[in-house]
Amino acid sequence: MTQDVSTKITADKLDAMFKMQEDFMLRLRDTHEAFPRSWPFDLLKKQSQLDVKECAFNSVEELFEAVKELKNAKKHRLTDVSEFDREHFVEECVDAFKYFLELLIFVGVDADEFFKAYSKKDVVINRRLDEGY
């Protein structure tokens, strides 16, 4: 059985994250010629799709950097590594999330739309579990 999650729980933090990312993007736009000049993108245009694809790949690249911190994740490894740089792992996850937020902003998705879509999908996946998916 799923719980009904109130949008008030995290909306303020999510809103703040979207705002911080867009503020950073505006700074990049004003200081780096190669950064897109405006958004949201028209996703019917080839360049817009290329820019979104590049942003998604940048996010995935940062996730791979985070995963490199998982030294015991090699199935063939016989010894355990006793260190884990949690701070670096989290930092790389933040980098990945920042690119993901950038992608959402580029396509015109705001915190409210994303939270609604997330909540809707949460209901779906929990229903699947309830129904023996």
C-alpha atoms as a PDB file:
ATOM      1  CA  MET A   1       0.000   0.000   0.000  1.00  0.00           C
ATOM      2  CA  THR A   2       1.413   3.396  -0.966  1.00  0.00           C
ATOM      3  CA  GLN A   3       1.389   6.554   1.095  1.00  0.00           C
ATOM      4  CA  ASP A   4       0.076   9.861  -0.206  1.00  0.00           C
ATOM      5  CA  VAL A   5       3.093  12.187  -0.094  1.00  0.00           C
ATOM      6  CA  SER A   6       2.386  15.865   0.475  1.00  0.00           C
ATOM      7  CA  THR A   7       4.088  18.203  -1.979  1.00  0.00           C
ATOM      8  CA  LYS A   8       4.947  20.406   0.997  1.00  0.00           C
ATOM      9  CA  ILE A   9       7.515  17.915   2.331  1.00  0.00           C
ATOM     10  CA  THR A  10      10.380  18.733  -0.003  1.00  0.00           C
ATOM     11  CA  ALA A  11       9.084  21.317  -2.453  1.00  0.00           C
ATOM     12  CA  ASP A  12      11.062  24.126  -0.819  1.00  0.00           C
ATOM     13  CA  LYS A  13      14.380  22.261  -1.112  1.00  0.00           C
ATOM     14  CA  LEU A  14      13.643  21.097  -4.635  1.00  0.00           C
ATOM     15  CA  ASP A  15      12.625  24.627  -5.640  1.00  0.00           C
ATOM     16  CA  ALA A  16      15.855  25.951  -4.136  1.00  0.00           C
ATOM     17  CA  MET A  17      17.937  23.395  -6.032  1.00  0.00           C
ATOM     18  CA  PHE A  18      16.284  24.293  -9.341  1.00  0.00           C
ATOM     19  CA  LYS A  19      16.854  28.005  -8.609  1.00  0.00           C
ATOM     20  CA  MET A  20      20.519  27.505  -7.671  1.00  0.00           C
ATOM     21  CA  GLN A  21      21.110  25.528 -10.853  1.00  0.00           C
ATOM     22  CA  GLU A  22      19.379  28.047 -13.097  1.00  0.00           C
ATOM     23  CA  ASP A  23      21.274  30.919 -11.449  1.00  0.00           C
ATOM     24  CA  PHE A  24      24.508  29.053 -12.199  1.00  0.00           C
ATOM     25  CA  MET A  25      23.359  28.448 -15.781  1.00  0.00           C
ATOM     26  CA  LEU A  26      22.650  32.172 -16.204  1.00  0.00           C
ATOM     27  CA  ARG A  27      26.173  32.952 -15.013  1.00  0.00           C
ATOM     28  CA  LEU A  28      27.571  30.445 -17.514  1.00  0.00           C
ATOM     29  CA  ARG A  29      25.449  31.932 -20.276  1.00  0.00           C
ATOM     30  CA  ASP A  30      26.802  35.389 -19.515  1.00  0.00           C
ATOM     31  CA  THR A  31      30.455  34.333 -19.295  1.00  0.00           C
ATOM     32  CA  HIS A  32      30.884  31.384 -21.689  1.00  0.00           C
ATOM     33  CA  GLU A  33      30.149  31.820 -25.341  1.00  0.00           C
ATOM     34  CA  ALA A  34      29.696  28.099 -25.947  1.00  0.00           C
ATOM     35  CA  PHE A  35      26.877  27.780 -23.379  1.00  0.00           C
ATOM     36  CA  PRO A  36      23.333  27.938 -24.833  1.00  0.00           C
ATOM     37  CA  ARG A  37      22.028  31.496 -24.997  1.00  0.00           C
ATOM     38  CA  SER A  38      18.414  30.773 -24.050  1.00  0.00           C
ATOM     39  CA  TRP A  39      16.040  28.119 -22.805  1.00  0.00           C
ATOM     40  CA  PRO A  40      13.684  26.333 -22.718  1.00  0.00           C
ATOM     41  CA  PHE A  41      14.798  24.584 -25.855  1.00  0.00           C
ATOM     42  CA  ASP A  42      12.587  23.810 -28.805  1.00  0.00           C
ATOM     43  CA  LEU A  43      12.965  20.036 -28.835  1.00  0.00           C
ATOM     44  CA  LEU A  44      11.925  19.865 -32.479  1.00  0.00           C
ATOM     45  CA  LYS A  45      15.253  21.498 -33.398  1.00  0.00           C
ATOM     46  CA  LYS A  46      18.298  19.343 -34.011  1.00  0.00           C
ATOM     47  CA  GLN A  47      20.690  21.585 -32.040  1.00  0.00           C
ATOM     48  CA  SER A  48      18.362  21.508 -29.039  1.00  0.00           C
ATOM     49  CA  GLN A  49      18.296  17.725 -29.099  1.00  0.00           C
ATOM     50  CA  LEU A  50      22.082  17.624 -29.421  1.00  0.00           C
ATOM     51  CA  ASP A  51      22.441  19.964 -26.436  1.00  0.00           C
ATOM     52  CA  VAL A  52      20.055  17.879 -24.312  1.00  0.00           C
ATOM     53  CA  LYS A  53      21.862  14.687 -25.289  1.00  0.00           C
ATOM     54  CA  GLU A  54      25.229  16.207 -24.358  1.00  0.00           C
ATOM     55  CA  CYS A  55      23.856  17.330 -20.999  1.00  0.00           C
ATOM     56  CA  ALA A  56      22.508  13.825 -20.308  1.00  0.00           C
ATOM     57  CA  PHE A  57      25.871  12.299 -21.205  1.00  0.00           C
ATOM     58  CA  ASN A  58      27.616  14.771 -18.883  1.00  0.00           C
ATOM     59  CA  SER A  59      25.344  13.594 -16.067  1.00  0.00           C
ATOM     60  CA  VAL A  60      26.117   9.947 -16.808  1.00  0.00           C
ATOM     61  CA  GLU A  61      29.840  10.716 -16.921  1.00  0.00           C
ATOM     62  CA  GLU A  62      29.627  12.169 -13.411  1.00  0.00           C
ATOM     63  CA  LEU A  63      27.777   9.038 -12.220  1.00  0.00           C
ATOM     64  CA  PHE A  64      30.607   6.924 -13.620  1.00  0.00           C
ATOM     65  CA  GLU A  65      33.071   9.048 -11.658  1.00  0.00           C
ATOM     66  CA  ALA A  66      31.047   8.334  -8.508  1.00  0.00           C
ATOM     67  CA  VAL A  67      30.914   4.614  -9.244  1.00  0.00           C
ATOM     68  CA  LYS A  68      34.708   4.522  -9.557  1.00  0.00           C
ATOM     69  CA  GLU A  69      34.778   5.057  -5.781  1.00  0.00           C
ATOM     70  CA  LEU A  70      33.127   1.639  -5.302  1.00  0.00           C
ATOM     71  CA  LYS A  71      36.346  -0.343  -5.169  1.00  0.00           C
ATOM     72  CA  ASN A  72      34.676  -3.549  -3.939  1.00  0.00           C
ATOM     73  CA  ALA A  73      32.148  -3.594  -6.782  1.00  0.00           C
ATOM     74  CA  LYS A  74      34.342  -5.774  -9.003  1.00  0.00           C
ATOM     75  CA  LYS A  75      32.964  -9.311  -8.998  1.00  0.00           C
ATOM     76  CA  HIS A  76      36.365 -10.779  -9.818  1.00  0.00           C
ATOM     77  CA  ARG A  77      38.151  -9.017  -6.938  1.00  0.00           C
ATOM     78  CA  LEU A  78      39.138 -11.444  -4.174  1.00  0.00           C
ATOM     79  CA  THR A  79      40.270  -8.866  -1.613  1.00  0.00           C
ATOM     80  CA  ASP A  80      38.261  -6.160   0.107  1.00  0.00           C
ATOM     81  CA  VAL A  81      39.321  -2.524  -0.037  1.00  0.00           C
ATOM     82  CA  SER A  82      38.821  -1.048   3.406  1.00  0.00           C
ATOM     83  CA  GLU A  83      38.567   2.595   2.288  1.00  0.00           C
ATOM     84  CA  PHE A  84      35.662   4.483   0.792  1.00  0.00           C
ATOM     85  CA  ASP A  85      35.786   8.188   0.008  1.00  0.00           C
ATOM     86  CA  ARG A  86      32.168   9.017   0.786  1.00  0.00           C
ATOM     87  CA  GLU A  87      32.704  12.760   0.384  1.00  0.00           C
ATOM     88  CA  HIS A  88      34.057  12.328  -3.147  1.00  0.00           C
ATOM     89  CA  PHE A  89      31.300   9.833  -4.003  1.00  0.00           C
ATOM     90  CA  VAL A  90      28.590  12.272  -2.868  1.00  0.00           C
ATOM     91  CA  GLU A  91      30.296  15.170  -4.662  1.00  0.00           C
ATOM     92  CA  GLU A  92      30.252  13.265  -7.949  1.00  0.00           C
ATOM     93  CA  CYS A  93      26.579  12.357  -7.385  1.00  0.00           C
ATOM     94  CA  VAL A  94      25.867  16.062  -6.849  1.00  0.00           C
ATOM     95  CA  ASP A  95      27.667  16.854 -10.110  1.00  0.00           C
ATOM     96  CA  ALA A  96      25.503  14.283 -11.899  1.00  0.00           C
ATOM     97  CA  PHE A  97      22.351  15.706 -10.337  1.00  0.00           C
ATOM     98  CA  LYS A  98      23.336  19.260 -11.303  1.00  0.00           C
ATOM     99  CA  TYR A  99      23.618  18.187 -14.947  1.00  0.00           C
ATOM    100  CA  PHE A 100      20.273  16.389 -14.614  1.00  0.00           C
ATOM    101  CA  LEU A 101      18.665  19.567 -13.242  1.00  0.00           C
ATOM    102  CA  GLU A 102      20.256  21.510 -16.091  1.00  0.00           C
ATOM    103  CA  LEU A 103      18.697  19.098 -18.568  1.00  0.00           C
ATOM    104  CA  LEU A 104      15.263  19.565 -16.979  1.00  0.00           C
ATOM    105  CA  ILE A 105      15.643  23.348 -17.031  1.00  0.00           C
ATOM    106  CA  PHE A 106      16.772  23.268 -20.659  1.00  0.00           C
ATOM    107  CA  VAL A 107      13.542  21.491 -21.625  1.00  0.00           C
ATOM    108  CA  GLY A 108      11.343  23.743 -19.501  1.00  0.00           C
ATOM    109  CA  VAL A 109      10.540  21.409 -16.609  1.00  0.00           C
ATOM    110  CA  ASP A 110      10.314  23.179 -13.247  1.00  0.00           C
ATOM    111  CA  ALA A 111      10.341  21.800  -9.703  1.00  0.00           C
ATOM    112  CA  ASP A 112       6.531  21.575  -9.528  1.00  0.00           C
ATOM    113  CA  GLU A 113       6.179  19.667 -12.793  1.00  0.00           C
ATOM    114  CA  PHE A 114       9.024  17.336 -11.884  1.00  0.00           C
ATOM    115  CA  PHE A 115       7.643  16.652  -8.400  1.00  0.00           C
ATOM    116  CA  LYS A 116       4.177  15.915  -9.819  1.00  0.00           C
ATOM    117  CA  ALA A 117       5.632  13.539 -12.412  1.00  0.00           C
ATOM    118  CA  TYR A 118       7.808  11.897  -9.748  1.00  0.00           C
ATOM    119  CA  SER A 119       4.830  11.453  -7.415  1.00  0.00           C
ATOM    120  CA  LYS A 120       2.683  10.043 -10.234  1.00  0.00           C
ATOM    121  CA  LYS A 121       5.390   7.520 -11.143  1.00  0.00           C
ATOM    122  CA  ASP A 122       5.821   6.598  -7.469  1.00  0.00           C
ATOM    123  CA  VAL A 123       2.153   5.591  -7.329  1.00  0.00           C
ATOM    124  CA  VAL A 124       2.588   3.477 -10.480  1.00  0.00           C
ATOM    125  CA  ILE A 125       5.671   1.587  -9.294  1.00  0.00           C
ATOM    126  CA  ASN A 126       4.197   0.947  -5.857  1.00  0.00           C
ATOM    127  CA  ARG A 127       0.976  -0.336  -7.441  1.00  0.00           C
ATOM    128  CA  ARG A 128       3.086  -2.719  -9.515  1.00  0.00           C
ATOM    129  CA  LEU A 129       4.637  -4.100  -6.325  1.00  0.00           C
ATOM    130  CA  ASP A 130       1.213  -4.384  -4.674  1.00  0.00           C
ATOM    131  CA  GLU A 131      -0.055  -6.317  -7.690  1.00  0.00           C
ATOM    132  CA  GLY A 132       2.912  -8.718  -7.816  1.00  0.00           C
ATOM    133  CA  TYR A 133       4.697  -7.119 -10.774  1.00  0.00           C
END
